[in-house]
């Protein structure tokens, strides 16, 4: 399918948070560049800026006349029409708007957030369902699936060290995303110091994958499969079962692609038997993977572990 836009999807060499976007491109036949960044180059890549000037001014002759009039350089009213307007377009783009991936470049303009990108493509290529209600149901299930991925998040305090110069306590955790909360302590009504404490958020699923101790890893796996995950997958399975393998009855939507990609990762982490209790979810994944365009993509795509 031809398209008036050019697309470049930027992500790591992984399925991860970009695979459902790749499914959309495969299904619609829209051409795009699948750029995969080596993880070792990511720190350098995320901080780079495009080789463009801060502002690119698109100024026509009539625009110049308006500027001249504004500064009273000479009377030029007779050269101007009432509809003439001065225009400029700021074109400073950070390559990575929020220093996270994936990012979709649309005609060279970067857009972050995987589901925002997927929704944009779904609206553009008729993958939202037949009406606003269908679109809302897609959003509901996709956002709830996101709750499962991020749910039961662990709040972990990072290592801290005290600075004698400014009496700040600074989080020193490295390697995972974290935030700093700045607050004040008043000791004895006299001493006040600003304290910065670092935290990291790690979902239970990520914590399981990060765990290196075999016994603890198995314990986390059992908790996930017997407590955390069933709460969500049981509900999803009931909804999709009523719709005979679809999120929206008899209609393929972008939400189906989100679930198919997530369920593939689920089977990869816990094994194919992990979906035995959820036949409707398994049927959805198989249905999506049997679509000729998706099946072709699954054959062509690079093999990755995640």
C-alpha atoms as a PDB file:
ATOM      1  CA  UNK A   1       0.000   0.000   0.000  1.00  0.00           C
ATOM      2  CA  UNK A   2       1.345   3.421  -0.929  1.00  0.00           C
ATOM      3  CA  UNK A   3       1.313   6.282   1.571  1.00  0.00           C
ATOM      4  CA  UNK A   4       2.048   9.963   1.391  1.00  0.00           C
ATOM      5  CA  UNK A   5       4.160   9.833   4.546  1.00  0.00           C
ATOM      6  CA  UNK A   6       7.563   8.331   5.257  1.00  0.00           C
ATOM      7  CA  UNK A   7       8.003   6.302   8.436  1.00  0.00           C
ATOM      8  CA  UNK A   8      11.010   5.192  10.416  1.00  0.00           C
ATOM      9  CA  UNK A   9      10.481   3.048  13.510  1.00  0.00           C
ATOM     10  CA  UNK A  10      13.402   3.289  15.926  1.00  0.00           C
ATOM     11  CA  UNK A  11      13.829   0.651  18.612  1.00  0.00           C
ATOM     12  CA  UNK A  12      16.296  -1.905  19.900  1.00  0.00           C
ATOM     13  CA  UNK A  13      16.859  -5.247  18.193  1.00  0.00           C
ATOM     14  CA  UNK A  14      13.944  -6.718  20.121  1.00  0.00           C
ATOM     15  CA  UNK A  15      10.198  -7.230  19.920  1.00  0.00           C
ATOM     16  CA  UNK A  16       9.447  -5.487  23.192  1.00  0.00           C
ATOM     17  CA  UNK A  17       7.321  -2.357  23.040  1.00  0.00           C
ATOM     18  CA  UNK A  18       7.596  -1.952  19.269  1.00  0.00           C
ATOM     19  CA  UNK A  19       6.366  -5.255  17.900  1.00  0.00           C
ATOM     20  CA  UNK A  20       2.668  -4.369  17.714  1.00  0.00           C
ATOM     21  CA  UNK A  21       3.640  -1.322  15.645  1.00  0.00           C
ATOM     22  CA  UNK A  22       5.557  -3.603  13.288  1.00  0.00           C
ATOM     23  CA  UNK A  23       2.448  -5.793  13.085  1.00  0.00           C
ATOM     24  CA  UNK A  24       0.413  -2.771  11.998  1.00  0.00           C
ATOM     25  CA  UNK A  25       2.898  -1.930   9.270  1.00  0.00           C
ATOM     26  CA  UNK A  26       2.997  -5.545   8.120  1.00  0.00           C
ATOM     27  CA  UNK A  27      -0.804  -5.873   8.103  1.00  0.00           C
ATOM     28  CA  UNK A  28      -1.411  -2.632   6.207  1.00  0.00           C
ATOM     29  CA  UNK A  29       1.500  -3.121   3.829  1.00  0.00           C
ATOM     30  CA  UNK A  30       2.813   0.364   4.544  1.00  0.00           C
ATOM     31  CA  UNK A  31       6.521   0.721   3.840  1.00  0.00           C
ATOM     32  CA  UNK A  32       8.717   1.860   6.706  1.00  0.00           C
ATOM     33  CA  UNK A  33      12.293   1.715   7.916  1.00  0.00           C
ATOM     34  CA  UNK A  34      12.818  -0.694  10.802  1.00  0.00           C
ATOM     35  CA  UNK A  35      15.845   0.853  12.493  1.00  0.00           C
ATOM     36  CA  UNK A  36      17.305  -1.229  15.310  1.00  0.00           C
ATOM     37  CA  UNK A  37      19.798   0.382  17.649  1.00  0.00           C
ATOM     38  CA  UNK A  38      22.502  -1.749  19.284  1.00  0.00           C
ATOM     39  CA  UNK A  39      22.038  -1.464  23.026  1.00  0.00           C
ATOM     40  CA  UNK A  40      25.679  -0.524  23.543  1.00  0.00           C
ATOM     41  CA  UNK A  41      25.155   2.565  21.363  1.00  0.00           C
ATOM     42  CA  UNK A  42      21.951   3.673  23.051  1.00  0.00           C
ATOM     43  CA  UNK A  43      23.533   6.051  25.635  1.00  0.00           C
ATOM     44  CA  UNK A  44      25.179   7.979  22.824  1.00  0.00           C
ATOM     45  CA  UNK A  45      22.201   7.795  20.499  1.00  0.00           C
ATOM     46  CA  UNK A  46      19.585   9.054  22.951  1.00  0.00           C
ATOM     47  CA  UNK A  47      21.443  12.301  23.617  1.00  0.00           C
ATOM     48  CA  UNK A  48      22.192  13.220  20.018  1.00  0.00           C
ATOM     49  CA  UNK A  49      20.465  16.086  18.245  1.00  0.00           C
ATOM     50  CA  UNK A  50      19.616  16.489  14.632  1.00  0.00           C
ATOM     51  CA  UNK A  51      22.037  18.496  12.574  1.00  0.00           C
ATOM     52  CA  UNK A  52      19.586  21.327  12.084  1.00  0.00           C
ATOM     53  CA  UNK A  53      19.626  24.956  13.136  1.00  0.00           C
ATOM     54  CA  UNK A  54      17.547  26.003  16.127  1.00  0.00           C
ATOM     55  CA  UNK A  55      14.908  27.548  13.907  1.00  0.00           C
ATOM     56  CA  UNK A  56      14.267  27.187  10.223  1.00  0.00           C
ATOM     57  CA  UNK A  57      12.371  30.203   9.004  1.00  0.00           C
ATOM     58  CA  UNK A  58      10.095  29.720   6.067  1.00  0.00           C
ATOM     59  CA  UNK A  59       9.618  33.277   4.940  1.00  0.00           C
ATOM     60  CA  UNK A  60       8.054  34.458   1.727  1.00  0.00           C
ATOM     61  CA  UNK A  61       8.475  37.891   0.202  1.00  0.00           C
ATOM     62  CA  UNK A  62       5.204  39.018   1.750  1.00  0.00           C
ATOM     63  CA  UNK A  63       6.457  37.873   5.162  1.00  0.00           C
ATOM     64  CA  UNK A  64       9.527  40.083   4.816  1.00  0.00           C
ATOM     65  CA  UNK A  65       7.249  42.989   3.980  1.00  0.00           C
ATOM     66  CA  UNK A  66       5.327  42.429   7.208  1.00  0.00           C
ATOM     67  CA  UNK A  67       8.550  42.469   9.201  1.00  0.00           C
ATOM     68  CA  UNK A  68       9.647  45.668   7.512  1.00  0.00           C
ATOM     69  CA  UNK A  69       6.298  47.252   8.279  1.00  0.00           C
ATOM     70  CA  UNK A  70       6.499  46.108  11.882  1.00  0.00           C
ATOM     71  CA  UNK A  71       9.816  47.904  12.361  1.00  0.00           C
ATOM     72  CA  UNK A  72       8.734  50.950  10.323  1.00  0.00           C
ATOM     73  CA  UNK A  73      11.672  50.691   7.955  1.00  0.00           C
ATOM     74  CA  UNK A  74       9.593  52.119   5.116  1.00  0.00           C
ATOM     75  CA  UNK A  75       5.872  52.412   4.233  1.00  0.00           C
ATOM     76  CA  UNK A  76       4.882  49.329   2.304  1.00  0.00           C
ATOM     77  CA  UNK A  77       1.134  49.096   2.972  1.00  0.00           C
ATOM     78  CA  UNK A  78       0.381  49.238  -0.688  1.00  0.00           C
ATOM     79  CA  UNK A  79       2.377  46.052  -1.271  1.00  0.00           C
ATOM     80  CA  UNK A  80       0.444  43.996   1.279  1.00  0.00           C
ATOM     81  CA  UNK A  81      -2.838  42.116   1.063  1.00  0.00           C
ATOM     82  CA  UNK A  82      -5.023  41.725   4.130  1.00  0.00           C
ATOM     83  CA  UNK A  83      -4.640  37.955   4.039  1.00  0.00           C
ATOM     84  CA  UNK A  84      -0.848  37.953   4.014  1.00  0.00           C
ATOM     85  CA  UNK A  85       0.671  36.510   7.200  1.00  0.00           C
ATOM     86  CA  UNK A  86       4.165  35.940   8.465  1.00  0.00           C
ATOM     87  CA  UNK A  87       4.960  32.316   9.177  1.00  0.00           C
ATOM     88  CA  UNK A  88       7.862  30.343  10.567  1.00  0.00           C
ATOM     89  CA  UNK A  89       8.318  26.781  11.605  1.00  0.00           C
ATOM     90  CA  UNK A  90      10.542  25.794  14.529  1.00  0.00           C
ATOM     91  CA  UNK A  91      12.499  22.726  13.454  1.00  0.00           C
ATOM     92  CA  UNK A  92      14.707  21.789  16.370  1.00  0.00           C
ATOM     93  CA  UNK A  93      13.982  18.122  16.971  1.00  0.00           C
ATOM     94  CA  UNK A  94      15.602  16.028  19.601  1.00  0.00           C
ATOM     95  CA  UNK A  95      16.248  12.644  18.029  1.00  0.00           C
ATOM     96  CA  UNK A  96      14.738  11.043  21.119  1.00  0.00           C
ATOM     97  CA  UNK A  97      12.053  13.373  22.553  1.00  0.00           C
ATOM     98  CA  UNK A  98      11.969  11.738  25.999  1.00  0.00           C
ATOM     99  CA  UNK A  99      15.137   9.652  25.739  1.00  0.00           C
ATOM    100  CA  UNK A 100      13.117   6.469  25.495  1.00  0.00           C
ATOM    101  CA  UNK A 101      12.215   4.023  22.750  1.00  0.00           C
ATOM    102  CA  UNK A 102      10.363   3.255  20.602  1.00  0.00           C
ATOM    103  CA  UNK A 103      10.104   6.388  18.517  1.00  0.00           C
ATOM    104  CA  UNK A 104       8.353   6.670  15.175  1.00  0.00           C
ATOM    105  CA  UNK A 105       9.638   9.297  12.793  1.00  0.00           C
ATOM    106  CA  UNK A 106       6.838  10.592  10.583  1.00  0.00           C
ATOM    107  CA  UNK A 107       8.277  12.618   7.711  1.00  0.00           C
ATOM    108  CA  UNK A 108      11.367  13.109   9.871  1.00  0.00           C
ATOM    109  CA  UNK A 109       9.462  14.280  12.961  1.00  0.00           C
ATOM    110  CA  UNK A 110       9.913  12.015  15.997  1.00  0.00           C
ATOM    111  CA  UNK A 111       6.916  10.841  18.014  1.00  0.00           C
ATOM    112  CA  UNK A 112       7.346   8.905  21.261  1.00  0.00           C
ATOM    113  CA  UNK A 113       5.138   6.476  23.202  1.00  0.00           C
ATOM    114  CA  UNK A 114       4.376   3.162  21.536  1.00  0.00           C
ATOM    115  CA  UNK A 115       0.625   3.151  22.093  1.00  0.00           C
ATOM    116  CA  UNK A 116       0.226   6.770  20.983  1.00  0.00           C
ATOM    117  CA  UNK A 117       1.999   5.761  17.776  1.00  0.00           C
ATOM    118  CA  UNK A 118      -0.133   2.634  17.410  1.00  0.00           C
ATOM    119  CA  UNK A 119      -3.362   4.579  17.928  1.00  0.00           C
ATOM    120  CA  UNK A 120      -2.320   7.134  15.333  1.00  0.00           C
ATOM    121  CA  UNK A 121      -1.650   4.407  12.779  1.00  0.00           C
ATOM    122  CA  UNK A 122      -4.841   2.583  13.745  1.00  0.00           C
ATOM    123  CA  UNK A 123      -6.968   5.678  13.154  1.00  0.00           C
ATOM    124  CA  UNK A 124      -5.222   6.345   9.882  1.00  0.00           C
ATOM    125  CA  UNK A 125      -5.565   2.788   8.554  1.00  0.00           C
ATOM    126  CA  UNK A 126      -8.974   1.813   9.949  1.00  0.00           C
ATOM    127  CA  UNK A 127      -7.920  -0.452  12.817  1.00  0.00           C
ATOM    128  CA  UNK A 128      -9.948   1.208  15.590  1.00  0.00           C
ATOM    129  CA  UNK A 129     -13.212  -0.675  15.118  1.00  0.00           C
ATOM    130  CA  UNK A 130     -16.400   0.631  13.593  1.00  0.00           C
ATOM    131  CA  UNK A 131     -17.233   3.418  16.074  1.00  0.00           C
ATOM    132  CA  UNK A 132     -16.134   5.301  19.202  1.00  0.00           C
ATOM    133  CA  UNK A 133     -17.400   2.529  21.463  1.00  0.00           C
ATOM    134  CA  UNK A 134     -15.163  -0.012  19.766  1.00  0.00           C
ATOM    135  CA  UNK A 135     -12.239   2.394  20.018  1.00  0.00           C
ATOM    136  CA  UNK A 136     -12.892   2.807  23.741  1.00  0.00           C
ATOM    137  CA  UNK A 137     -12.987  -0.974  24.317  1.00  0.00           C
ATOM    138  CA  UNK A 138      -9.655  -1.301  22.489  1.00  0.00           C
ATOM    139  CA  UNK A 139      -8.177   1.390  24.728  1.00  0.00           C
ATOM    140  CA  UNK A 140      -9.647  -0.199  27.847  1.00  0.00           C
ATOM    141  CA  UNK A 141      -8.115  -3.606  27.209  1.00  0.00           C
ATOM    142  CA  UNK A 142      -4.760  -2.283  25.991  1.00  0.00           C
ATOM    143  CA  UNK A 143      -4.433   0.032  28.991  1.00  0.00           C
ATOM    144  CA  UNK A 144      -5.410  -2.773  31.367  1.00  0.00           C
ATOM    145  CA  UNK A 145      -2.807  -5.013  29.766  1.00  0.00           C
ATOM    146  CA  UNK A 146      -0.379  -2.188  30.499  1.00  0.00           C
ATOM    147  CA  UNK A 147      -1.424  -2.375  34.156  1.00  0.00           C
ATOM    148  CA  UNK A 148      -0.412  -6.032  34.163  1.00  0.00           C
ATOM    149  CA  UNK A 149       2.970  -5.233  32.645  1.00  0.00           C
ATOM    150  CA  UNK A 150       3.619  -2.456  35.167  1.00  0.00           C
ATOM    151  CA  UNK A 151       1.471  -3.718  38.010  1.00  0.00           C
ATOM    152  CA  UNK A 152       2.515  -4.465  41.576  1.00  0.00           C
ATOM    153  CA  UNK A 153       5.462  -2.195  41.010  1.00  0.00           C
ATOM    154  CA  UNK A 154       8.260  -2.423  43.510  1.00  0.00           C
ATOM    155  CA  UNK A 155       9.542   0.810  44.973  1.00  0.00           C
ATOM    156  CA  UNK A 156      13.233   0.342  45.635  1.00  0.00           C
ATOM    157  CA  UNK A 157      15.411   2.862  47.398  1.00  0.00           C
ATOM    158  CA  UNK A 158      18.731   3.357  45.703  1.00  0.00           C
ATOM    159  CA  UNK A 159      22.132   3.502  47.341  1.00  0.00           C
ATOM    160  CA  UNK A 160      22.738   6.922  48.847  1.00  0.00           C
ATOM    161  CA  UNK A 161      25.726   8.921  49.873  1.00  0.00           C
ATOM    162  CA  UNK A 162      25.979  12.176  51.788  1.00  0.00           C
ATOM    163  CA  UNK A 163      27.729  15.204  50.350  1.00  0.00           C
ATOM    164  CA  UNK A 164      29.537  17.273  52.973  1.00  0.00           C
ATOM    165  CA  UNK A 165      29.499  20.379  50.806  1.00  0.00           C
ATOM    166  CA  UNK A 166      25.763  20.785  50.364  1.00  0.00           C
ATOM    167  CA  UNK A 167      24.356  18.236  52.824  1.00  0.00           C
ATOM    168  CA  UNK A 168      22.409  16.538  50.027  1.00  0.00           C
ATOM    169  CA  UNK A 169      21.760  12.841  49.939  1.00  0.00           C
ATOM    170  CA  UNK A 170      21.986  11.767  46.338  1.00  0.00           C
ATOM    171  CA  UNK A 171      20.676   8.575  44.805  1.00  0.00           C
ATOM    172  CA  UNK A 172      23.431   6.713  43.054  1.00  0.00           C
ATOM    173  CA  UNK A 173      21.476   3.917  41.421  1.00  0.00           C
ATOM    174  CA  UNK A 174      22.519   3.441  37.801  1.00  0.00           C
ATOM    175  CA  UNK A 175      21.294   1.264  34.972  1.00  0.00           C
ATOM    176  CA  UNK A 176      17.529   1.473  35.461  1.00  0.00           C
ATOM    177  CA  UNK A 177      15.133   4.368  35.112  1.00  0.00           C
ATOM    178  CA  UNK A 178      14.687   6.292  38.345  1.00  0.00           C
ATOM    179  CA  UNK A 179      13.408   9.580  39.663  1.00  0.00           C
ATOM    180  CA  UNK A 180      14.509  11.880  42.451  1.00  0.00           C
ATOM    181  CA  UNK A 181      12.180  13.382  45.029  1.00  0.00           C
ATOM    182  CA  UNK A 182      13.409  16.595  46.601  1.00  0.00           C
ATOM    183  CA  UNK A 183      12.170  17.490  50.057  1.00  0.00           C
ATOM    184  CA  UNK A 184      13.387  19.286  53.183  1.00  0.00           C
ATOM    185  CA  UNK A 185      14.228  18.051  56.654  1.00  0.00           C
ATOM    186  CA  UNK A 186      14.221  20.331  59.680  1.00  0.00           C
ATOM    187  CA  UNK A 187      16.208  18.994  62.585  1.00  0.00           C
ATOM    188  CA  UNK A 188      15.605  20.486  66.021  1.00  0.00           C
ATOM    189  CA  UNK A 189      13.852  23.447  64.443  1.00  0.00           C
ATOM    190  CA  UNK A 190      17.177  24.821  63.252  1.00  0.00           C
ATOM    191  CA  UNK A 191      18.942  22.687  60.713  1.00  0.00           C
ATOM    192  CA  UNK A 192      17.346  22.338  57.308  1.00  0.00           C
ATOM    193  CA  UNK A 193      18.763  20.362  54.443  1.00  0.00           C
ATOM    194  CA  UNK A 194      17.451  19.374  51.080  1.00  0.00           C
ATOM    195  CA  UNK A 195      17.391  15.634  50.575  1.00  0.00           C
ATOM    196  CA  UNK A 196      17.276  13.902  47.229  1.00  0.00           C
ATOM    197  CA  UNK A 197      16.383  10.245  47.359  1.00  0.00           C
ATOM    198  CA  UNK A 198      16.566   7.954  44.340  1.00  0.00           C
ATOM    199  CA  UNK A 199      14.053   5.255  43.574  1.00  0.00           C
ATOM    200  CA  UNK A 200      13.532   2.792  40.783  1.00  0.00           C
ATOM    201  CA  UNK A 201      10.296   1.280  39.606  1.00  0.00           C
ATOM    202  CA  UNK A 202      10.491  -2.370  38.598  1.00  0.00           C
ATOM    203  CA  UNK A 203       7.392  -4.355  37.716  1.00  0.00           C
ATOM    204  CA  UNK A 204       7.040  -7.869  39.077  1.00  0.00           C
ATOM    205  CA  UNK A 205       7.557  -9.292  35.585  1.00  0.00           C
ATOM    206  CA  UNK A 206      10.770  -7.311  35.092  1.00  0.00           C
ATOM    207  CA  UNK A 207      11.912  -8.240  38.580  1.00  0.00           C
ATOM    208  CA  UNK A 208      11.392 -11.907  37.719  1.00  0.00           C
ATOM    209  CA  UNK A 209      13.440 -11.567  34.535  1.00  0.00           C
ATOM    210  CA  UNK A 210      16.203  -9.695  36.372  1.00  0.00           C
ATOM    211  CA  UNK A 211      16.462 -12.207  39.212  1.00  0.00           C
ATOM    212  CA  UNK A 212      19.676 -14.213  39.039  1.00  0.00           C
ATOM    213  CA  UNK A 213      19.187 -16.457  42.040  1.00  0.00           C
ATOM    214  CA  UNK A 214      17.527 -19.682  40.711  1.00  0.00           C
ATOM    215  CA  UNK A 215      15.471 -20.316  43.855  1.00  0.00           C
ATOM    216  CA  UNK A 216      14.198 -16.750  44.100  1.00  0.00           C
ATOM    217  CA  UNK A 217      13.512 -16.697  40.385  1.00  0.00           C
ATOM    218  CA  UNK A 218      11.377 -19.831  40.638  1.00  0.00           C
ATOM    219  CA  UNK A 219       9.498 -18.359  43.612  1.00  0.00           C
ATOM    220  CA  UNK A 220       8.776 -15.169  41.677  1.00  0.00           C
ATOM    221  CA  UNK A 221       7.655 -17.216  38.685  1.00  0.00           C
ATOM    222  CA  UNK A 222       5.186 -19.197  40.820  1.00  0.00           C
ATOM    223  CA  UNK A 223       3.792 -15.992  42.294  1.00  0.00           C
ATOM    224  CA  UNK A 224       3.321 -14.489  38.852  1.00  0.00           C
ATOM    225  CA  UNK A 225       1.684 -17.572  37.332  1.00  0.00           C
ATOM    226  CA  UNK A 226      -0.540 -18.335  40.302  1.00  0.00           C
ATOM    227  CA  UNK A 227      -1.477 -14.888  41.633  1.00  0.00           C
ATOM    228  CA  UNK A 228      -0.551 -11.794  39.639  1.00  0.00           C
ATOM    229  CA  UNK A 229      -1.115 -12.852  36.030  1.00  0.00           C
ATOM    230  CA  UNK A 230      -4.303 -14.973  36.375  1.00  0.00           C
ATOM    231  CA  UNK A 231      -6.252 -12.007  37.755  1.00  0.00           C
ATOM    232  CA  UNK A 232      -5.855 -10.245  34.416  1.00  0.00           C
ATOM    233  CA  UNK A 233      -5.631 -13.075  31.905  1.00  0.00           C
ATOM    234  CA  UNK A 234      -8.779 -14.743  33.218  1.00  0.00           C
ATOM    235  CA  UNK A 235     -10.766 -11.576  32.602  1.00  0.00           C
ATOM    236  CA  UNK A 236      -9.206 -11.070  29.180  1.00  0.00           C
ATOM    237  CA  UNK A 237      -9.930 -14.676  28.264  1.00  0.00           C
ATOM    238  CA  UNK A 238     -13.592 -14.312  29.195  1.00  0.00           C
ATOM    239  CA  UNK A 239     -14.024 -11.142  27.123  1.00  0.00           C
ATOM    240  CA  UNK A 240     -12.215 -12.489  24.073  1.00  0.00           C
ATOM    241  CA  UNK A 241     -13.941 -15.857  24.406  1.00  0.00           C
ATOM    242  CA  UNK A 242     -17.348 -14.178  24.123  1.00  0.00           C
ATOM    243  CA  UNK A 243     -16.110 -12.462  20.959  1.00  0.00           C
ATOM    244  CA  UNK A 244     -14.798 -15.735  19.475  1.00  0.00           C
ATOM    245  CA  UNK A 245     -11.135 -14.797  19.432  1.00  0.00           C
ATOM    246  CA  UNK A 246     -11.508 -11.088  18.805  1.00  0.00           C
ATOM    247  CA  UNK A 247     -11.329  -8.051  21.045  1.00  0.00           C
ATOM    248  CA  UNK A 248     -13.998  -6.404  18.890  1.00  0.00           C
ATOM    249  CA  UNK A 249     -16.369  -9.041  17.418  1.00  0.00           C
ATOM    250  CA  UNK A 250     -15.389 -10.118  13.888  1.00  0.00           C
ATOM    251  CA  UNK A 251     -13.096  -7.086  13.481  1.00  0.00           C
ATOM    252  CA  UNK A 252      -9.304  -7.036  13.534  1.00  0.00           C
ATOM    253  CA  UNK A 253      -8.051  -4.018  15.459  1.00  0.00           C
ATOM    254  CA  UNK A 254      -4.755  -2.643  16.647  1.00  0.00           C
ATOM    255  CA  UNK A 255      -5.592  -4.023  20.106  1.00  0.00           C
ATOM    256  CA  UNK A 256      -5.487  -7.560  18.681  1.00  0.00           C
ATOM    257  CA  UNK A 257      -1.919  -6.876  17.582  1.00  0.00           C
ATOM    258  CA  UNK A 258      -0.975  -5.571  21.028  1.00  0.00           C
ATOM    259  CA  UNK A 259      -2.303  -8.732  22.665  1.00  0.00           C
ATOM    260  CA  UNK A 260      -0.782 -11.086  20.093  1.00  0.00           C
ATOM    261  CA  UNK A 261       2.664  -9.565  20.593  1.00  0.00           C
ATOM    262  CA  UNK A 262       2.309  -9.611  24.382  1.00  0.00           C
ATOM    263  CA  UNK A 263       1.115 -13.212  24.429  1.00  0.00           C
ATOM    264  CA  UNK A 264       4.050 -14.258  22.286  1.00  0.00           C
ATOM    265  CA  UNK A 265       6.382 -12.730  24.875  1.00  0.00           C
ATOM    266  CA  UNK A 266       4.386 -14.421  27.638  1.00  0.00           C
ATOM    267  CA  UNK A 267       4.893 -17.834  26.046  1.00  0.00           C
ATOM    268  CA  UNK A 268       8.565 -17.097  25.498  1.00  0.00           C
ATOM    269  CA  UNK A 269       9.045 -16.279  29.199  1.00  0.00           C
ATOM    270  CA  UNK A 270       6.958 -19.059  30.728  1.00  0.00           C
ATOM    271  CA  UNK A 271       6.632 -21.668  27.972  1.00  0.00           C
ATOM    272  CA  UNK A 272       3.784 -22.528  25.589  1.00  0.00           C
ATOM    273  CA  UNK A 273       1.811 -24.474  28.268  1.00  0.00           C
ATOM    274  CA  UNK A 274       1.391 -21.208  30.179  1.00  0.00           C
ATOM    275  CA  UNK A 275      -1.556 -20.364  27.891  1.00  0.00           C
ATOM    276  CA  UNK A 276      -3.319 -23.701  28.437  1.00  0.00           C
ATOM    277  CA  UNK A 277      -5.675 -22.087  30.939  1.00  0.00           C
ATOM    278  CA  UNK A 278      -6.559 -19.293  28.505  1.00  0.00           C
ATOM    279  CA  UNK A 279      -7.847 -20.881  25.277  1.00  0.00           C
ATOM    280  CA  UNK A 280      -9.439 -17.691  23.948  1.00  0.00           C
ATOM    281  CA  UNK A 281      -6.204 -15.752  24.296  1.00  0.00           C
ATOM    282  CA  UNK A 282      -4.318 -18.540  22.553  1.00  0.00           C
ATOM    283  CA  UNK A 283      -6.920 -18.509  19.775  1.00  0.00           C
ATOM    284  CA  UNK A 284      -6.472 -14.743  19.326  1.00  0.00           C
ATOM    285  CA  UNK A 285      -2.713 -15.096  19.034  1.00  0.00           C
ATOM    286  CA  UNK A 286      -3.006 -17.937  16.524  1.00  0.00           C
ATOM    287  CA  UNK A 287      -5.555 -16.011  14.479  1.00  0.00           C
ATOM    288  CA  UNK A 288      -3.306 -12.966  14.224  1.00  0.00           C
ATOM    289  CA  UNK A 289      -0.230 -15.059  13.418  1.00  0.00           C
ATOM    290  CA  UNK A 290      -2.136 -16.828  10.635  1.00  0.00           C
ATOM    291  CA  UNK A 291      -2.946 -13.611   8.807  1.00  0.00           C
ATOM    292  CA  UNK A 292      -0.782 -13.919   5.653  1.00  0.00           C
ATOM    293  CA  UNK A 293       0.889 -10.507   6.029  1.00  0.00           C
ATOM    294  CA  UNK A 294       1.673 -11.147   9.710  1.00  0.00           C
ATOM    295  CA  UNK A 295       2.811 -14.706   9.018  1.00  0.00           C
ATOM    296  CA  UNK A 296       5.181 -13.368   6.373  1.00  0.00           C
ATOM    297  CA  UNK A 297       6.545 -10.814   8.856  1.00  0.00           C
ATOM    298  CA  UNK A 298       7.141 -13.494  11.483  1.00  0.00           C
ATOM    299  CA  UNK A 299       9.264 -15.382   8.958  1.00  0.00           C
ATOM    300  CA  UNK A 300      11.227 -12.336   7.792  1.00  0.00           C
ATOM    301  CA  UNK A 301      11.886 -10.550  11.071  1.00  0.00           C
ATOM    302  CA  UNK A 302      15.207 -10.918  12.928  1.00  0.00           C
ATOM    303  CA  UNK A 303      15.241 -13.505  15.686  1.00  0.00           C
ATOM    304  CA  UNK A 304      15.442 -11.964  19.150  1.00  0.00           C
ATOM    305  CA  UNK A 305      15.106 -13.224  22.704  1.00  0.00           C
ATOM    306  CA  UNK A 306      12.691 -10.526  23.775  1.00  0.00           C
END
